[in-house]
Every structure is written in C-alpha cells, then in structure tokens.
N, C-alpha and C. Protein backbone atom coordinates (compact mmCIF):
# COMPACT_ATOMS: atom_id res chain seq x y z
N MET A 1 0.86 -1.17 0.00
CA MET A 1 0.00 0.00 0.00
C MET A 1 0.91 1.22 0.00
N ARG A 2 0.53 2.20 -0.78
CA ARG A 2 1.31 3.42 -0.89
C ARG A 2 0.38 4.62 -0.73
N ALA A 3 0.85 5.60 0.05
CA ALA A 3 0.09 6.83 0.24
C ALA A 3 0.98 8.03 -0.05
N VAL A 4 0.45 8.95 -0.80
CA VAL A 4 1.07 10.26 -0.97
C VAL A 4 0.25 11.20 -0.10
N VAL A 5 0.91 11.72 0.94
CA VAL A 5 0.24 12.56 1.93
C VAL A 5 0.71 13.99 1.73
N GLN A 6 -0.23 14.87 1.46
CA GLN A 6 0.09 16.27 1.27
C GLN A 6 -0.61 17.10 2.34
N ARG A 7 0.18 17.95 3.01
CA ARG A 7 -0.42 18.88 3.96
C ARG A 7 -1.09 19.97 3.12
N VAL A 8 -2.37 20.22 3.40
CA VAL A 8 -3.12 21.14 2.55
C VAL A 8 -3.81 22.24 3.35
N ALA A 9 -3.91 23.39 2.73
CA ALA A 9 -4.73 24.47 3.26
C ALA A 9 -6.19 24.19 2.94
N ARG A 10 -6.41 23.57 1.77
CA ARG A 10 -7.74 23.12 1.37
C ARG A 10 -7.58 22.12 0.23
N ALA A 11 -8.57 21.25 0.09
CA ALA A 11 -8.56 20.28 -0.99
C ALA A 11 -9.98 19.82 -1.24
N ARG A 12 -10.26 19.47 -2.48
CA ARG A 12 -11.57 18.94 -2.82
C ARG A 12 -11.46 18.03 -4.03
N VAL A 13 -12.42 17.14 -4.14
CA VAL A 13 -12.44 16.19 -5.24
C VAL A 13 -13.82 16.20 -5.88
N PHE A 14 -13.82 16.15 -7.21
CA PHE A 14 -15.04 16.15 -8.00
C PHE A 14 -15.11 14.88 -8.84
N GLY A 15 -16.30 14.40 -9.08
CA GLY A 15 -16.56 13.31 -10.01
C GLY A 15 -17.87 13.58 -10.70
N ASP A 16 -17.90 13.41 -12.01
CA ASP A 16 -19.12 13.72 -12.78
C ASP A 16 -19.64 15.12 -12.48
N GLU A 17 -18.70 16.06 -12.35
CA GLU A 17 -19.01 17.47 -12.10
C GLU A 17 -19.73 17.69 -10.77
N GLN A 18 -19.65 16.72 -9.84
CA GLN A 18 -20.24 16.86 -8.51
C GLN A 18 -19.12 16.91 -7.48
N LEU A 19 -19.29 17.74 -6.48
CA LEU A 19 -18.35 17.76 -5.37
C LEU A 19 -18.56 16.49 -4.56
N LEU A 20 -17.49 15.70 -4.43
CA LEU A 20 -17.56 14.44 -3.68
C LEU A 20 -17.05 14.60 -2.25
N GLY A 21 -16.03 15.42 -2.07
CA GLY A 21 -15.46 15.60 -0.74
C GLY A 21 -14.61 16.85 -0.70
N GLU A 22 -14.50 17.44 0.49
CA GLU A 22 -13.75 18.69 0.64
C GLU A 22 -13.25 18.82 2.06
N VAL A 23 -12.02 19.31 2.21
CA VAL A 23 -11.47 19.64 3.52
C VAL A 23 -10.95 21.07 3.47
N LYS A 24 -11.06 21.75 4.58
CA LYS A 24 -10.61 23.14 4.67
C LYS A 24 -9.22 23.27 5.27
N GLY A 25 -8.63 22.18 5.66
CA GLY A 25 -7.28 22.16 6.20
C GLY A 25 -6.99 20.76 6.72
N GLY A 26 -5.76 20.33 6.54
CA GLY A 26 -5.39 18.99 7.00
C GLY A 26 -4.51 18.32 5.98
N VAL A 27 -4.96 17.14 5.51
CA VAL A 27 -4.16 16.38 4.55
C VAL A 27 -5.02 15.87 3.41
N CYS A 28 -4.39 15.76 2.25
CA CYS A 28 -4.97 15.06 1.12
C CYS A 28 -4.13 13.80 0.96
N VAL A 29 -4.79 12.65 0.96
CA VAL A 29 -4.11 11.36 0.87
C VAL A 29 -4.53 10.69 -0.43
N LEU A 30 -3.56 10.49 -1.32
CA LEU A 30 -3.78 9.68 -2.51
C LEU A 30 -3.34 8.27 -2.12
N LEU A 31 -4.22 7.28 -2.29
CA LEU A 31 -3.98 5.95 -1.76
C LEU A 31 -4.00 4.90 -2.86
N GLY A 32 -2.89 4.15 -2.96
CA GLY A 32 -2.80 3.04 -3.90
C GLY A 32 -2.74 1.73 -3.15
N VAL A 33 -3.52 0.76 -3.61
CA VAL A 33 -3.59 -0.55 -2.97
C VAL A 33 -2.96 -1.58 -3.89
N ALA A 34 -2.04 -2.37 -3.33
CA ALA A 34 -1.36 -3.42 -4.09
C ALA A 34 -1.99 -4.78 -3.81
N ARG A 35 -1.72 -5.74 -4.69
CA ARG A 35 -2.27 -7.09 -4.56
C ARG A 35 -1.94 -7.73 -3.22
N ALA A 36 -0.76 -7.47 -2.68
CA ALA A 36 -0.31 -8.12 -1.45
C ALA A 36 -0.88 -7.48 -0.19
N ASP A 37 -1.63 -6.40 -0.31
CA ASP A 37 -2.13 -5.68 0.87
C ASP A 37 -3.31 -6.41 1.50
N ASN A 38 -3.52 -6.12 2.79
CA ASN A 38 -4.61 -6.73 3.54
C ASN A 38 -5.10 -5.75 4.59
N ASP A 39 -6.03 -6.18 5.44
CA ASP A 39 -6.58 -5.30 6.48
C ASP A 39 -5.49 -4.76 7.39
N ALA A 40 -4.54 -5.60 7.75
CA ALA A 40 -3.47 -5.17 8.65
C ALA A 40 -2.64 -4.05 8.01
N THR A 41 -2.40 -4.15 6.72
CA THR A 41 -1.65 -3.11 6.00
C THR A 41 -2.43 -1.80 6.03
N ALA A 42 -3.72 -1.88 5.72
CA ALA A 42 -4.56 -0.68 5.69
C ALA A 42 -4.62 -0.02 7.06
N GLU A 43 -4.77 -0.82 8.10
CA GLU A 43 -4.86 -0.28 9.45
C GLU A 43 -3.55 0.35 9.89
N ALA A 44 -2.43 -0.30 9.59
CA ALA A 44 -1.11 0.24 9.97
C ALA A 44 -0.83 1.55 9.24
N LEU A 45 -1.17 1.61 7.96
CA LEU A 45 -0.92 2.83 7.20
C LEU A 45 -1.82 3.96 7.68
N ALA A 46 -3.06 3.66 8.01
CA ALA A 46 -3.97 4.69 8.53
C ALA A 46 -3.45 5.24 9.85
N ARG A 47 -2.97 4.36 10.74
CA ARG A 47 -2.40 4.84 12.00
C ARG A 47 -1.20 5.75 11.73
N LYS A 48 -0.37 5.37 10.77
CA LYS A 48 0.81 6.16 10.44
C LYS A 48 0.41 7.54 9.93
N VAL A 49 -0.57 7.59 9.05
CA VAL A 49 -1.03 8.87 8.51
C VAL A 49 -1.63 9.73 9.62
N ALA A 50 -2.45 9.13 10.48
CA ALA A 50 -3.09 9.89 11.56
C ALA A 50 -2.07 10.47 12.53
N ARG A 51 -0.98 9.78 12.72
CA ARG A 51 0.02 10.20 13.70
C ARG A 51 1.20 10.93 13.09
N LEU A 52 1.20 11.09 11.78
CA LEU A 52 2.32 11.71 11.07
C LEU A 52 2.44 13.18 11.47
N ARG A 53 3.58 13.53 12.03
CA ARG A 53 3.79 14.90 12.52
C ARG A 53 4.38 15.76 11.41
N ILE A 54 3.48 16.39 10.67
CA ILE A 54 3.90 17.25 9.55
C ILE A 54 3.35 18.67 9.67
N PHE A 55 2.83 18.99 10.85
CA PHE A 55 2.33 20.33 11.10
C PHE A 55 3.24 21.02 12.10
N PRO A 56 3.52 22.30 11.88
CA PRO A 56 4.53 22.98 12.70
C PRO A 56 4.02 23.41 14.08
N ASP A 57 4.96 23.44 15.02
CA ASP A 57 4.69 24.04 16.32
C ASP A 57 5.04 25.52 16.24
N ASP A 58 5.07 26.21 17.37
CA ASP A 58 5.34 27.64 17.38
C ASP A 58 6.75 27.98 16.91
N GLU A 59 7.65 27.00 16.96
CA GLU A 59 9.03 27.22 16.52
C GLU A 59 9.27 26.73 15.09
N GLY A 60 8.21 26.28 14.42
CA GLY A 60 8.32 25.84 13.05
C GLY A 60 8.75 24.39 12.86
N ARG A 61 8.92 23.64 13.95
CA ARG A 61 9.29 22.23 13.84
C ARG A 61 8.04 21.38 13.61
N PHE A 62 8.19 20.30 12.88
CA PHE A 62 7.09 19.38 12.64
C PHE A 62 6.83 18.60 13.93
N SER A 63 5.88 19.08 14.71
CA SER A 63 5.59 18.49 16.01
C SER A 63 4.15 18.01 16.15
N HIS A 64 3.26 18.40 15.24
CA HIS A 64 1.85 18.11 15.39
C HIS A 64 1.32 17.24 14.26
N ASN A 65 0.32 16.42 14.61
CA ASN A 65 -0.35 15.62 13.58
C ASN A 65 -1.67 16.29 13.18
N VAL A 66 -2.37 15.68 12.26
CA VAL A 66 -3.58 16.29 11.71
C VAL A 66 -4.65 16.50 12.79
N CYS A 67 -4.76 15.59 13.75
CA CYS A 67 -5.74 15.76 14.83
C CYS A 67 -5.36 16.91 15.75
N ASP A 68 -4.06 17.04 16.03
CA ASP A 68 -3.59 18.11 16.92
C ASP A 68 -4.00 19.49 16.42
N VAL A 69 -4.07 19.64 15.08
CA VAL A 69 -4.36 20.96 14.52
C VAL A 69 -5.82 21.10 14.09
N GLY A 70 -6.64 20.09 14.43
CA GLY A 70 -8.06 20.16 14.08
C GLY A 70 -8.32 19.99 12.60
N GLY A 71 -7.43 19.29 11.90
CA GLY A 71 -7.56 19.09 10.47
C GLY A 71 -8.38 17.86 10.12
N SER A 72 -8.60 17.70 8.83
CA SER A 72 -9.34 16.57 8.27
C SER A 72 -8.50 15.92 7.19
N ALA A 73 -8.97 14.78 6.69
CA ALA A 73 -8.30 14.08 5.60
C ALA A 73 -9.25 13.92 4.43
N LEU A 74 -8.77 14.23 3.25
CA LEU A 74 -9.47 13.91 2.01
C LEU A 74 -8.71 12.73 1.42
N VAL A 75 -9.37 11.57 1.31
CA VAL A 75 -8.71 10.35 0.84
C VAL A 75 -9.27 9.98 -0.53
N VAL A 76 -8.36 9.86 -1.50
CA VAL A 76 -8.73 9.56 -2.88
C VAL A 76 -7.99 8.30 -3.32
N SER A 77 -8.73 7.31 -3.79
CA SER A 77 -8.08 6.09 -4.29
C SER A 77 -7.37 6.41 -5.61
N GLN A 78 -6.17 5.83 -5.76
CA GLN A 78 -5.39 6.10 -6.97
C GLN A 78 -4.49 4.91 -7.27
N PHE A 79 -5.03 3.97 -8.07
CA PHE A 79 -4.28 2.75 -8.37
C PHE A 79 -2.99 3.04 -9.13
N THR A 80 -2.90 4.18 -9.79
CA THR A 80 -1.70 4.48 -10.57
C THR A 80 -0.46 4.65 -9.68
N LEU A 81 -0.65 4.81 -8.38
CA LEU A 81 0.51 4.88 -7.48
C LEU A 81 1.26 3.57 -7.42
N ILE A 82 0.64 2.49 -7.85
CA ILE A 82 1.26 1.17 -7.80
C ILE A 82 1.94 0.85 -9.14
N ALA A 83 2.04 1.80 -10.02
CA ALA A 83 2.64 1.58 -11.35
C ALA A 83 4.09 1.13 -11.26
N ASP A 84 4.45 0.24 -12.18
CA ASP A 84 5.83 -0.20 -12.36
C ASP A 84 6.30 0.35 -13.70
N THR A 85 7.32 1.18 -13.65
CA THR A 85 7.85 1.79 -14.88
C THR A 85 9.26 1.33 -15.17
N SER A 86 9.65 0.18 -14.61
CA SER A 86 11.03 -0.30 -14.77
C SER A 86 11.33 -0.80 -16.18
N LYS A 87 10.31 -1.18 -16.93
CA LYS A 87 10.51 -1.68 -18.29
C LYS A 87 9.72 -0.82 -19.27
N GLY A 88 10.42 -0.14 -20.13
CA GLY A 88 9.75 0.65 -21.16
C GLY A 88 9.16 1.94 -20.62
N ASN A 89 8.29 2.51 -21.42
CA ASN A 89 7.71 3.81 -21.08
C ASN A 89 6.23 3.74 -20.73
N ARG A 90 5.63 2.58 -20.91
CA ARG A 90 4.23 2.42 -20.53
C ARG A 90 4.16 1.79 -19.16
N PRO A 91 3.51 2.43 -18.20
CA PRO A 91 3.42 1.86 -16.85
C PRO A 91 2.66 0.53 -16.85
N SER A 92 3.12 -0.38 -16.03
CA SER A 92 2.40 -1.63 -15.79
C SER A 92 1.69 -1.51 -14.46
N PHE A 93 0.45 -1.95 -14.43
CA PHE A 93 -0.35 -1.90 -13.21
C PHE A 93 -0.66 -3.30 -12.69
N SER A 94 0.17 -4.26 -13.07
CA SER A 94 -0.09 -5.66 -12.72
C SER A 94 -0.04 -5.91 -11.22
N GLU A 95 0.67 -5.08 -10.46
CA GLU A 95 0.74 -5.26 -9.01
C GLU A 95 -0.35 -4.51 -8.26
N ALA A 96 -1.13 -3.70 -8.98
CA ALA A 96 -2.25 -3.00 -8.34
C ALA A 96 -3.34 -4.02 -8.02
N ALA A 97 -3.97 -3.86 -6.88
CA ALA A 97 -5.03 -4.78 -6.47
C ALA A 97 -6.25 -4.63 -7.37
N PRO A 98 -6.91 -5.73 -7.69
CA PRO A 98 -8.18 -5.61 -8.43
C PRO A 98 -9.22 -4.92 -7.55
N ALA A 99 -10.23 -4.37 -8.19
CA ALA A 99 -11.23 -3.57 -7.48
C ALA A 99 -11.88 -4.32 -6.32
N ASP A 100 -12.14 -5.62 -6.49
CA ASP A 100 -12.83 -6.36 -5.43
C ASP A 100 -11.98 -6.51 -4.18
N LEU A 101 -10.68 -6.37 -4.29
CA LEU A 101 -9.78 -6.36 -3.13
C LEU A 101 -9.49 -4.93 -2.68
N ALA A 102 -9.26 -4.05 -3.65
CA ALA A 102 -8.84 -2.68 -3.33
C ALA A 102 -9.93 -1.85 -2.66
N LYS A 103 -11.17 -1.96 -3.11
CA LYS A 103 -12.23 -1.12 -2.55
C LYS A 103 -12.43 -1.36 -1.05
N PRO A 104 -12.54 -2.63 -0.59
CA PRO A 104 -12.69 -2.81 0.86
C PRO A 104 -11.49 -2.34 1.66
N LEU A 105 -10.28 -2.42 1.08
CA LEU A 105 -9.09 -1.95 1.80
C LEU A 105 -9.04 -0.43 1.83
N TYR A 106 -9.46 0.22 0.76
CA TYR A 106 -9.59 1.68 0.75
C TYR A 106 -10.59 2.11 1.83
N GLU A 107 -11.73 1.43 1.88
CA GLU A 107 -12.75 1.76 2.88
C GLU A 107 -12.25 1.46 4.30
N ARG A 108 -11.49 0.38 4.47
CA ARG A 108 -10.94 0.05 5.80
C ARG A 108 -9.93 1.11 6.23
N PHE A 109 -9.09 1.57 5.30
CA PHE A 109 -8.13 2.64 5.59
C PHE A 109 -8.89 3.88 6.10
N CYS A 110 -9.94 4.27 5.40
CA CYS A 110 -10.72 5.46 5.80
C CYS A 110 -11.39 5.25 7.15
N ALA A 111 -11.93 4.06 7.38
CA ALA A 111 -12.58 3.77 8.66
C ALA A 111 -11.57 3.83 9.80
N MET A 112 -10.36 3.31 9.56
CA MET A 112 -9.33 3.32 10.60
C MET A 112 -8.88 4.75 10.90
N LEU A 113 -8.77 5.59 9.87
CA LEU A 113 -8.45 7.01 10.10
C LEU A 113 -9.50 7.64 11.01
N ARG A 114 -10.77 7.33 10.75
CA ARG A 114 -11.85 7.86 11.60
C ARG A 114 -11.70 7.34 13.03
N GLU A 115 -11.37 6.06 13.17
CA GLU A 115 -11.17 5.50 14.51
C GLU A 115 -10.03 6.20 15.25
N GLU A 116 -9.06 6.70 14.50
CA GLU A 116 -7.93 7.43 15.07
C GLU A 116 -8.31 8.87 15.39
N GLY A 117 -9.54 9.27 15.07
CA GLY A 117 -10.02 10.62 15.39
C GLY A 117 -9.91 11.63 14.27
N VAL A 118 -9.59 11.17 13.07
CA VAL A 118 -9.44 12.09 11.93
C VAL A 118 -10.76 12.15 11.16
N PRO A 119 -11.37 13.32 11.02
CA PRO A 119 -12.53 13.44 10.15
C PRO A 119 -12.10 13.15 8.70
N VAL A 120 -12.89 12.35 7.99
CA VAL A 120 -12.50 11.89 6.65
C VAL A 120 -13.57 12.23 5.63
N GLN A 121 -13.12 12.75 4.51
CA GLN A 121 -13.92 12.91 3.31
C GLN A 121 -13.31 11.98 2.27
N MET A 122 -14.12 11.46 1.37
CA MET A 122 -13.62 10.48 0.41
C MET A 122 -14.01 10.86 -1.01
N GLY A 123 -13.18 10.37 -1.95
CA GLY A 123 -13.55 10.39 -3.35
C GLY A 123 -14.48 9.22 -3.62
N ARG A 124 -14.74 8.94 -4.89
CA ARG A 124 -15.58 7.79 -5.28
C ARG A 124 -14.67 6.73 -5.86
N PHE A 125 -14.61 5.59 -5.22
CA PHE A 125 -13.71 4.53 -5.65
C PHE A 125 -13.97 4.15 -7.11
N GLY A 126 -12.91 4.05 -7.88
CA GLY A 126 -12.99 3.60 -9.26
C GLY A 126 -13.48 4.62 -10.26
N ALA A 127 -13.80 5.81 -9.81
CA ALA A 127 -14.33 6.84 -10.71
C ALA A 127 -13.21 7.72 -11.26
N LEU A 128 -13.47 8.32 -12.40
CA LEU A 128 -12.60 9.38 -12.88
C LEU A 128 -12.92 10.61 -12.05
N MET A 129 -11.89 11.20 -11.48
CA MET A 129 -12.09 12.32 -10.57
C MET A 129 -11.12 13.45 -10.90
N GLN A 130 -11.44 14.63 -10.43
CA GLN A 130 -10.56 15.77 -10.50
C GLN A 130 -10.29 16.22 -9.07
N VAL A 131 -9.01 16.32 -8.73
CA VAL A 131 -8.60 16.71 -7.38
C VAL A 131 -8.00 18.11 -7.46
N GLU A 132 -8.51 18.99 -6.62
CA GLU A 132 -7.95 20.33 -6.48
C GLU A 132 -7.41 20.46 -5.08
N LEU A 133 -6.20 21.03 -4.96
CA LEU A 133 -5.66 21.23 -3.62
C LEU A 133 -4.69 22.38 -3.61
N VAL A 134 -4.54 22.95 -2.42
CA VAL A 134 -3.51 23.93 -2.16
C VAL A 134 -2.58 23.29 -1.16
N ASN A 135 -1.40 22.88 -1.65
CA ASN A 135 -0.41 22.23 -0.80
C ASN A 135 0.18 23.28 0.12
N ASP A 136 0.16 23.02 1.41
CA ASP A 136 0.63 23.96 2.42
C ASP A 136 2.07 23.64 2.79
N GLY A 137 2.95 24.50 2.41
CA GLY A 137 4.38 24.31 2.74
C GLY A 137 5.29 24.61 1.55
N PRO A 138 5.33 23.82 0.53
CA PRO A 138 4.63 22.56 0.34
C PRO A 138 5.24 21.44 1.18
N VAL A 139 4.36 20.56 1.66
CA VAL A 139 4.77 19.38 2.39
C VAL A 139 4.12 18.18 1.74
N THR A 140 4.93 17.27 1.23
CA THR A 140 4.45 16.04 0.60
C THR A 140 5.32 14.89 1.09
N ILE A 141 4.67 13.86 1.65
CA ILE A 141 5.37 12.70 2.19
C ILE A 141 4.82 11.45 1.49
N ILE A 142 5.72 10.55 1.09
CA ILE A 142 5.33 9.28 0.49
C ILE A 142 5.54 8.18 1.52
N LEU A 143 4.48 7.40 1.77
CA LEU A 143 4.54 6.31 2.74
C LEU A 143 4.28 5.00 2.01
N ASP A 144 5.14 4.02 2.22
CA ASP A 144 4.97 2.67 1.66
C ASP A 144 4.92 1.66 2.79
N LEU A 145 3.93 0.80 2.77
CA LEU A 145 3.86 -0.32 3.73
C LEU A 145 3.61 -1.60 2.96
C-alpha cells in the first residue's frame, strides 16, 4: 500500500461534475492498494497517517499531527501509485489490487483514520475524478507499507 500525503490548506475532489469531498485544512491522501495488501496493512498505514507529525509548532518544527491541529483528511483512491515503470515507457499496473480487493481496503483505511479521530472525506472509488488542492508548505510525504 502506498500513500502520498500532502499537507493542505484546502482540498476537494469532483466526479461527474459533482463535489464528492472537501477539507478546509489537513491532509490530502492519494492511496494506492497493491495485490499483497490486507486489512493489517490498511490499518497500519492509517495509524501512520493519523500520527504523522507534519504540522509545525510555534518554533516551526514538525511536532503536530492532523488531529492536533483540528484538520481533516481527504482520501482519494489512486491505483496508478502502484505503477511499475522499470521496463519501457508504458506503466504496468499488474501489481495493483483488483477492485474487489482494493475497494474494501480503501474503505478500511478510511474507517481506521476515523477510529484514530481524523474526520474523513472520500472520493468515489474507481471513478474518474478531478482533485484540487492547495499544498501547504509545500509538504508532501510518500509512505509505503
């Protein structure tokens, strides 16, 4: 499982010209699920994201997590994060989980974030979406489990 976590001032996701989810501050998480992932992977990654200290204290050090600052998470599924580009120029997605495995793990990741106290907004699994965000910092962290 791979997550691209961006600290954001605001973020929102649209599908079919409808607003699907929006946060006014916190993190935008692009989430890719691999074939080898399971509930334990999703839960561990969600705990990591919830506790990730990427928000500054009064001295500018990364001391606070998203809950500490009253932020939320916008979580968008993105199988392309699992792309393999080691051969040629066309990405291979053979290691990305099929939808019947990936969707429940995406939903488990979001549920676990909520259990950790993070308010969560979601995109629509498997849909073509447009993501708008204002990266704050910019701060972008890549997490692999």
